[in-house]
Structure formats: structure tokens, C-alpha cells
Amino acid sequence: MGNTRIIARLDIKGDKLIKGVHLEGLRVVGDPQKFAQRYYQAGIDEIIFMDSVASLYERNNLAEIVKYTAENVFIPFTVGGGIRSSDDVQRLLRAGADKVAVNTAATREPELITEISRRFGSQCMVLSIEAKRIGDAKWEAYIENGREPTGLNVVEWAIEAVRMGAGEILLTSIDQEGTKKGFDCELVKAVSSQVPVPVIASGGMGEMGHFEAVVKDGFADAVAMADVLHYDRISLVDLRLYAAKQQIKVKHVRALERQR
């Protein structure tokens, strides 16, 4: 197993970085470009930008943020929200993005997953799944930033999407998102144990022990976090040192210092 990636998730509305609870009650945090730069300088492995209302208004509003990030942040970054075609993907990649995360359009037109994968490579096609628990060990996939149910079983949908070409899965627990009470490790394990591609756990990070739990119990390949970074509740240096003590492979602090 390779290093567990530590990812900063930046949810965007308009030109503002926002944060909510259960993907609702959004409040403004600040300038996403400044936060992206800060996380890059602090040694984050990757960044994910998600336009929280793009699918609702059928547009992607992140072109300027993508351009700025590509010129100032030299780590992989993913862009999601409002992507409806492979041409949308091409525009974002040309602007500097490394990967795209697709949710709503993929559920409505699953063949888009295959089209993106074939045209740009499976490593570029990240399936974003917003999951809500509906029973014992059972979750339903939602779209429109957690507003609309799809009727899709999360685990079955993940398996099918990977079969169609998805190279990675961004798995967000709606129930845990923004609560700082920890990840839905059962959900992450249910998906990661059934697909051969990396799974990014998102939704619920509140303390360093939550990182350990979702990696060891949920088998997450990467962990996305927002609140704990935005409000300086956890430093990346401390998190890496903690992970190393728990025998979780992460990029070493000293290696990051040499890079900078």
C-alpha cells in the first residue's frame, strides 16, 4: 500500500470558500485562492475544489480559480461541480486541473463516465458519491449537493461506475459531513472493499483519531478534510507526525521541508 494522501477539500459558492453541515447551512469562510495557496505551502498532498451549486444552476464557475491554482499551486488538484460533458472536462484540464469529479451528470448519463475515461484516461475520471444512510449497512446516492435522492445503492453504483471507467471515488457521507464527529467508516469500508480503485473518504473529520479510524477501519486510500484545516484545528505537520506514530504511511514531514 502506498502513502495515504491528505487532501484539502474546498467547497465553493460563487467566488467564496464556504462550509456547511450535512452539505447545508453554508457559511462563508474566505477566499478559496488564498486558502489553496496556504495549504500548498503547508504541504497538502492534493486539493479538491467543489462548486456546491454548479449542478443546480447548470454551470461550472471555477475557471478563474482553476487558472490561478495551476499557476501558483504545484500539486495535483481536482475540480467538481456542474460538469456535464467531456468538453467541460477538456476546458478544465486545459485551464490546469488534473482531475474532474462528476456526480449529478454521471447518475443521469452513466455513459459519460466511459467517455471521459476513454478520452482523458481513467485517472482523470473521479466519481463523486454523496451518500446518505437509509438502513443497516445500506446507503443511497444523492445528487445536487445532497439535495436529491437517486434511488441508487451506493455500493452497487460504485462498482458499476468503476466498471464503466471511473478511476477514483470521492465518497462523502452526508450524515457526517460538517459534524466533526468522525467519518462513516462502515460506509467507506463497504465501498473500498468492493472496488479496485482508490477511495477518498470525505465528511466528518474533527480530530486526528478520525484520520486513523477511516484509514485502518475503512481502508481509505486518501482522506479529504475541510473544517479542521479552514479553522486551524489541526496542523498538517502534527497530523503527519501522528499518522506516522500510528504506522500509517504518509509523506514524511522532512521530505516536505526539503521540497520547500
Protein backbone atom coordinates (compact mmCIF):
# COMPACT_ATOMS: atom_id res chain seq x y z
CA MET A 1 0.00 0.00 0.00
CA GLY A 2 1.29 3.46 -0.90
CA ASN A 3 1.14 6.62 1.15
CA THR A 4 -2.27 7.68 2.38
CA ARG A 5 -2.95 11.02 0.72
CA ILE A 6 -4.03 14.01 2.77
CA ILE A 7 -6.38 16.19 0.75
CA ALA A 8 -7.84 19.63 1.38
CA ARG A 9 -11.44 19.95 0.23
CA LEU A 10 -12.59 23.43 -0.70
CA ASP A 11 -16.32 23.85 -1.32
CA ILE A 12 -17.04 26.91 -3.43
CA LYS A 13 -20.11 29.08 -3.95
CA GLY A 14 -19.57 31.89 -6.44
CA ASP A 15 -16.09 33.18 -5.65
CA LYS A 16 -16.21 32.28 -1.93
CA LEU A 17 -14.96 29.34 0.08
CA ILE A 18 -17.88 28.05 2.11
CA LYS A 19 -18.53 25.34 4.71
CA GLY A 20 -21.72 23.74 5.95
CA VAL A 21 -23.14 20.84 7.93
CA HIS A 22 -24.72 17.90 6.08
CA LEU A 23 -23.99 19.95 2.91
CA GLU A 24 -26.47 22.60 4.16
CA GLY A 25 -26.37 25.82 6.20
CA LEU A 26 -23.44 27.11 4.17
CA ARG A 27 -21.34 29.91 5.65
CA VAL A 28 -18.57 31.91 4.03
CA VAL A 29 -15.02 31.08 5.14
CA GLY A 30 -12.93 33.27 2.83
CA ASP A 31 -11.03 33.47 -0.45
CA PRO A 32 -10.50 29.96 -1.88
CA GLN A 33 -7.38 31.02 -3.78
CA LYS A 34 -5.69 32.18 -0.59
CA PHE A 35 -6.65 29.00 1.24
CA ALA A 36 -5.39 26.82 -1.62
CA GLN A 37 -2.06 28.65 -1.55
CA ARG A 38 -1.85 28.27 2.22
CA TYR A 39 -2.47 24.53 2.10
CA TYR A 40 0.05 24.07 -0.68
CA GLN A 41 2.71 25.88 1.34
CA ALA A 42 1.82 23.78 4.39
CA GLY A 43 2.43 20.57 2.44
CA ILE A 44 -1.01 19.23 1.49
CA ASP A 45 -0.86 16.33 -0.99
CA GLU A 46 -3.80 17.34 -3.16
CA ILE A 47 -6.67 19.82 -3.33
CA ILE A 48 -10.29 19.27 -4.34
CA PHE A 49 -12.46 22.19 -5.45
CA MET A 50 -16.20 21.50 -5.44
CA ASP A 51 -18.66 24.08 -6.78
CA SER A 52 -21.52 23.45 -4.37
CA VAL A 53 -24.32 24.88 -6.52
CA ALA A 54 -22.96 24.33 -10.02
CA SER A 55 -25.20 21.40 -10.92
CA LEU A 56 -28.26 23.17 -9.53
CA TYR A 57 -27.66 26.15 -11.85
CA GLU A 58 -26.17 24.05 -14.65
CA ARG A 59 -22.83 25.78 -14.82
CA ASN A 60 -19.28 25.48 -13.55
CA ASN A 61 -17.92 28.72 -12.10
CA LEU A 62 -14.39 27.68 -11.24
CA ALA A 63 -12.44 28.71 -14.34
CA GLU A 64 -10.60 31.58 -12.65
CA ILE A 65 -9.86 29.53 -9.55
CA VAL A 66 -8.53 26.70 -11.72
CA LYS A 67 -6.31 29.09 -13.66
CA TYR A 68 -4.93 30.71 -10.51
CA THR A 69 -4.31 27.36 -8.85
CA ALA A 70 -2.49 25.95 -11.87
CA GLU A 71 -0.17 28.98 -11.89
CA ASN A 72 0.55 29.04 -8.16
CA VAL A 73 -0.04 25.59 -6.67
CA PHE A 74 2.13 22.76 -7.95
CA ILE A 75 0.34 19.68 -6.65
CA PRO A 76 -2.49 17.65 -8.18
CA PHE A 77 -5.93 19.19 -7.88
CA THR A 78 -9.42 18.01 -8.76
CA VAL A 79 -12.39 20.13 -9.83
CA GLY A 80 -16.03 19.14 -9.48
CA GLY A 81 -19.48 20.62 -9.87
CA GLY A 82 -21.54 21.33 -12.96
CA ILE A 83 -19.55 19.08 -15.30
CA ARG A 84 -22.00 17.80 -17.92
CA SER A 85 -19.85 16.77 -20.89
CA SER A 86 -16.38 15.71 -21.94
CA ASP A 87 -15.97 19.18 -23.47
CA ASP A 88 -16.48 20.66 -19.99
CA VAL A 89 -13.72 18.34 -18.81
CA GLN A 90 -11.42 19.42 -21.62
CA ARG A 91 -11.86 23.10 -20.70
CA LEU A 92 -10.99 22.45 -17.07
CA LEU A 93 -7.97 20.31 -17.93
CA ARG A 94 -6.70 22.92 -20.37
CA ALA A 95 -7.08 25.53 -17.61
CA GLY A 96 -4.80 23.41 -15.44
CA ALA A 97 -6.89 20.90 -13.48
CA ASP A 98 -5.51 17.36 -13.13
CA LYS A 99 -8.76 15.51 -12.49
CA VAL A 100 -12.50 16.11 -12.53
CA ALA A 101 -15.12 14.90 -10.07
CA VAL A 102 -18.53 14.11 -11.57
CA ASN A 103 -21.70 13.26 -9.66
CA THR A 104 -25.05 14.52 -10.99
CA ALA A 105 -24.29 14.11 -14.70
CA ALA A 106 -22.80 10.65 -14.14
CA THR A 107 -26.00 9.39 -12.49
CA ARG A 108 -28.15 10.82 -15.27
CA GLU A 109 -25.89 9.74 -18.13
CA PRO A 110 -23.59 6.94 -16.91
CA GLU A 111 -22.03 6.65 -20.36
CA LEU A 112 -20.33 9.99 -19.63
CA ILE A 113 -18.04 8.10 -17.25
CA THR A 114 -16.80 5.90 -20.09
CA GLU A 115 -16.50 8.85 -22.47
CA ILE A 116 -14.34 10.85 -20.05
CA SER A 117 -12.24 7.82 -19.16
CA ARG A 118 -11.55 6.93 -22.78
CA ARG A 119 -10.86 10.49 -23.87
CA PHE A 120 -8.67 11.63 -20.96
CA GLY A 121 -7.71 8.49 -19.05
CA SER A 122 -9.39 6.76 -16.12
CA GLN A 123 -7.07 8.52 -13.67
CA CYS A 124 -8.81 11.78 -14.63
CA MET A 125 -12.36 10.50 -14.00
CA VAL A 126 -13.28 10.76 -10.32
CA LEU A 127 -16.78 9.64 -9.42
CA SER A 128 -18.20 11.79 -6.65
CA ILE A 129 -20.76 9.99 -4.49
CA GLU A 130 -22.80 11.79 -1.83
CA ALA A 131 -24.11 9.02 0.40
CA LYS A 132 -26.91 9.01 2.95
CA ARG A 133 -27.55 6.07 5.24
CA ILE A 134 -31.04 4.63 4.71
CA GLY A 135 -30.77 1.43 6.73
CA ASP A 136 -28.46 -1.10 8.29
CA ALA A 137 -25.33 -1.19 6.10
CA LYS A 138 -27.27 0.48 3.30
CA TRP A 139 -26.73 3.90 1.72
CA GLU A 140 -28.41 5.82 -1.09
CA ALA A 141 -26.57 8.08 -3.53
CA TYR A 142 -27.69 11.71 -3.68
CA ILE A 143 -27.11 14.48 -6.22
CA GLU A 144 -27.46 18.29 -6.35
CA ASN A 145 -25.12 18.74 -3.37
CA GLY A 146 -27.04 16.27 -1.25
CA ARG A 147 -30.49 17.63 -2.10
CA GLU A 148 -31.96 14.94 -4.34
CA PRO A 149 -32.09 11.15 -3.88
CA THR A 150 -31.32 8.96 -6.88
CA GLY A 151 -32.57 5.57 -5.76
CA LEU A 152 -29.08 4.19 -6.42
CA ASN A 153 -27.47 1.86 -3.89
CA VAL A 154 -24.08 3.44 -3.15
CA VAL A 155 -22.00 0.26 -3.20
CA GLU A 156 -23.65 -1.06 -6.36
CA TRP A 157 -23.28 2.33 -8.04
CA ALA A 158 -19.58 2.49 -7.15
CA ILE A 159 -18.97 -0.98 -8.59
CA GLU A 160 -20.82 -0.13 -11.81
CA ALA A 161 -19.06 3.23 -12.21
CA VAL A 162 -15.63 1.63 -11.87
CA ARG A 163 -16.65 -0.98 -14.44
CA MET A 164 -17.52 1.90 -16.76
CA GLY A 165 -14.17 3.61 -16.29
CA ALA A 166 -14.08 5.65 -13.08
CA GLY A 167 -10.52 5.66 -11.79
CA GLU A 168 -11.16 7.02 -8.32
CA ILE A 169 -14.09 7.62 -5.97
CA LEU A 170 -14.71 10.65 -3.78
CA LEU A 171 -17.07 9.30 -1.13
CA THR A 172 -18.84 11.88 1.02
CA SER A 173 -21.09 10.93 3.93
CA ILE A 174 -23.95 13.44 4.05
CA ASP A 175 -24.76 12.26 7.58
CA GLN A 176 -21.27 13.01 8.89
CA GLU A 177 -20.29 15.97 6.72
CA GLY A 178 -19.51 19.07 8.79
CA THR A 179 -20.27 17.39 12.12
CA LYS A 180 -16.61 16.91 13.17
CA LYS A 181 -17.77 13.60 14.73
CA GLY A 182 -15.75 11.29 12.51
CA PHE A 183 -16.19 9.51 9.19
CA ASP A 184 -18.74 6.83 8.41
CA CYS A 185 -16.08 4.12 8.42
CA GLU A 186 -18.64 1.42 7.67
CA LEU A 187 -19.62 3.26 4.50
CA VAL A 188 -16.02 3.75 3.39
CA LYS A 189 -15.18 0.12 4.04
CA ALA A 190 -18.30 -1.08 2.21
CA VAL A 191 -17.15 0.74 -0.92
CA SER A 192 -13.37 0.38 -0.68
CA SER A 193 -13.61 -3.37 -0.13
CA GLN A 194 -15.59 -3.78 -3.36
CA VAL A 195 -13.72 -1.62 -5.86
CA PRO A 196 -10.11 -1.84 -7.14
CA VAL A 197 -9.63 1.94 -7.40
CA PRO A 198 -8.64 4.49 -4.72
CA VAL A 199 -11.39 5.74 -2.42
CA ILE A 200 -11.20 9.22 -0.89
CA ALA A 201 -13.10 9.46 2.40
CA SER A 202 -14.86 12.79 2.95
CA GLY A 203 -17.19 14.11 5.61
CA GLY A 204 -16.67 14.14 9.36
CA MET A 205 -13.01 14.88 10.14
CA GLY A 206 -12.82 16.51 13.57
CA GLU A 207 -9.70 15.14 15.25
CA MET A 208 -6.61 13.17 14.34
CA GLY A 209 -8.07 9.92 15.63
CA HIS A 210 -10.72 10.13 12.93
CA PHE A 211 -7.98 10.01 10.28
CA GLU A 212 -6.57 6.84 11.82
CA ALA A 213 -10.01 5.21 12.06
CA VAL A 214 -11.04 5.78 8.45
CA VAL A 215 -7.69 4.54 7.14
CA LYS A 216 -7.42 1.47 9.36
CA ASP A 217 -11.09 0.54 9.67
CA GLY A 218 -12.45 2.00 6.44
CA PHE A 219 -9.44 1.18 4.23
CA ALA A 220 -9.48 4.70 2.77
CA ASP A 221 -6.70 5.43 0.29
CA ALA A 222 -6.98 9.17 0.88
CA VAL A 223 -8.70 11.46 3.37
CA ALA A 224 -10.33 14.77 2.44
CA MET A 225 -10.83 17.38 5.13
CA ALA A 226 -12.16 20.90 5.29
CA ASP A 227 -13.27 22.40 8.63
CA VAL A 228 -10.24 21.24 10.61
CA LEU A 229 -7.95 22.91 8.08
CA HIS A 230 -10.02 26.02 7.37
CA TYR A 231 -10.21 26.89 11.08
CA ASP A 232 -6.70 25.70 12.02
CA ARG A 233 -7.99 23.00 14.34
CA ILE A 234 -5.27 20.59 13.14
CA SER A 235 -1.92 21.35 11.54
CA LEU A 236 -0.70 19.21 8.67
CA VAL A 237 2.66 18.73 10.34
CA ASP A 238 1.03 17.41 13.52
CA LEU A 239 -1.29 15.16 11.51
CA ARG A 240 1.62 13.62 9.61
CA LEU A 241 3.58 13.02 12.79
CA TYR A 242 0.51 11.45 14.40
CA ALA A 243 -0.12 9.23 11.37
CA ALA A 244 3.49 8.03 11.37
CA LYS A 245 3.21 7.10 15.06
CA GLN A 246 0.09 5.07 14.22
CA GLN A 247 2.07 3.30 11.48
CA ILE A 248 0.08 4.89 8.68
CA LYS A 249 2.22 5.62 5.65
CA VAL A 250 2.12 9.30 4.71
CA LYS A 251 4.54 11.67 3.06
CA HIS A 252 7.24 12.48 5.61
CA VAL A 253 7.41 15.93 7.18
CA ARG A 254 11.13 16.27 6.45
CA ALA A 255 10.58 15.39 2.80
CA LEU A 256 8.07 18.22 2.60
CA GLU A 257 10.57 20.60 4.18
CA ARG A 258 13.17 19.66 1.58
CA GLN A 259 10.67 20.30 -1.22
CA ARG A 260 10.03 23.82 0.07
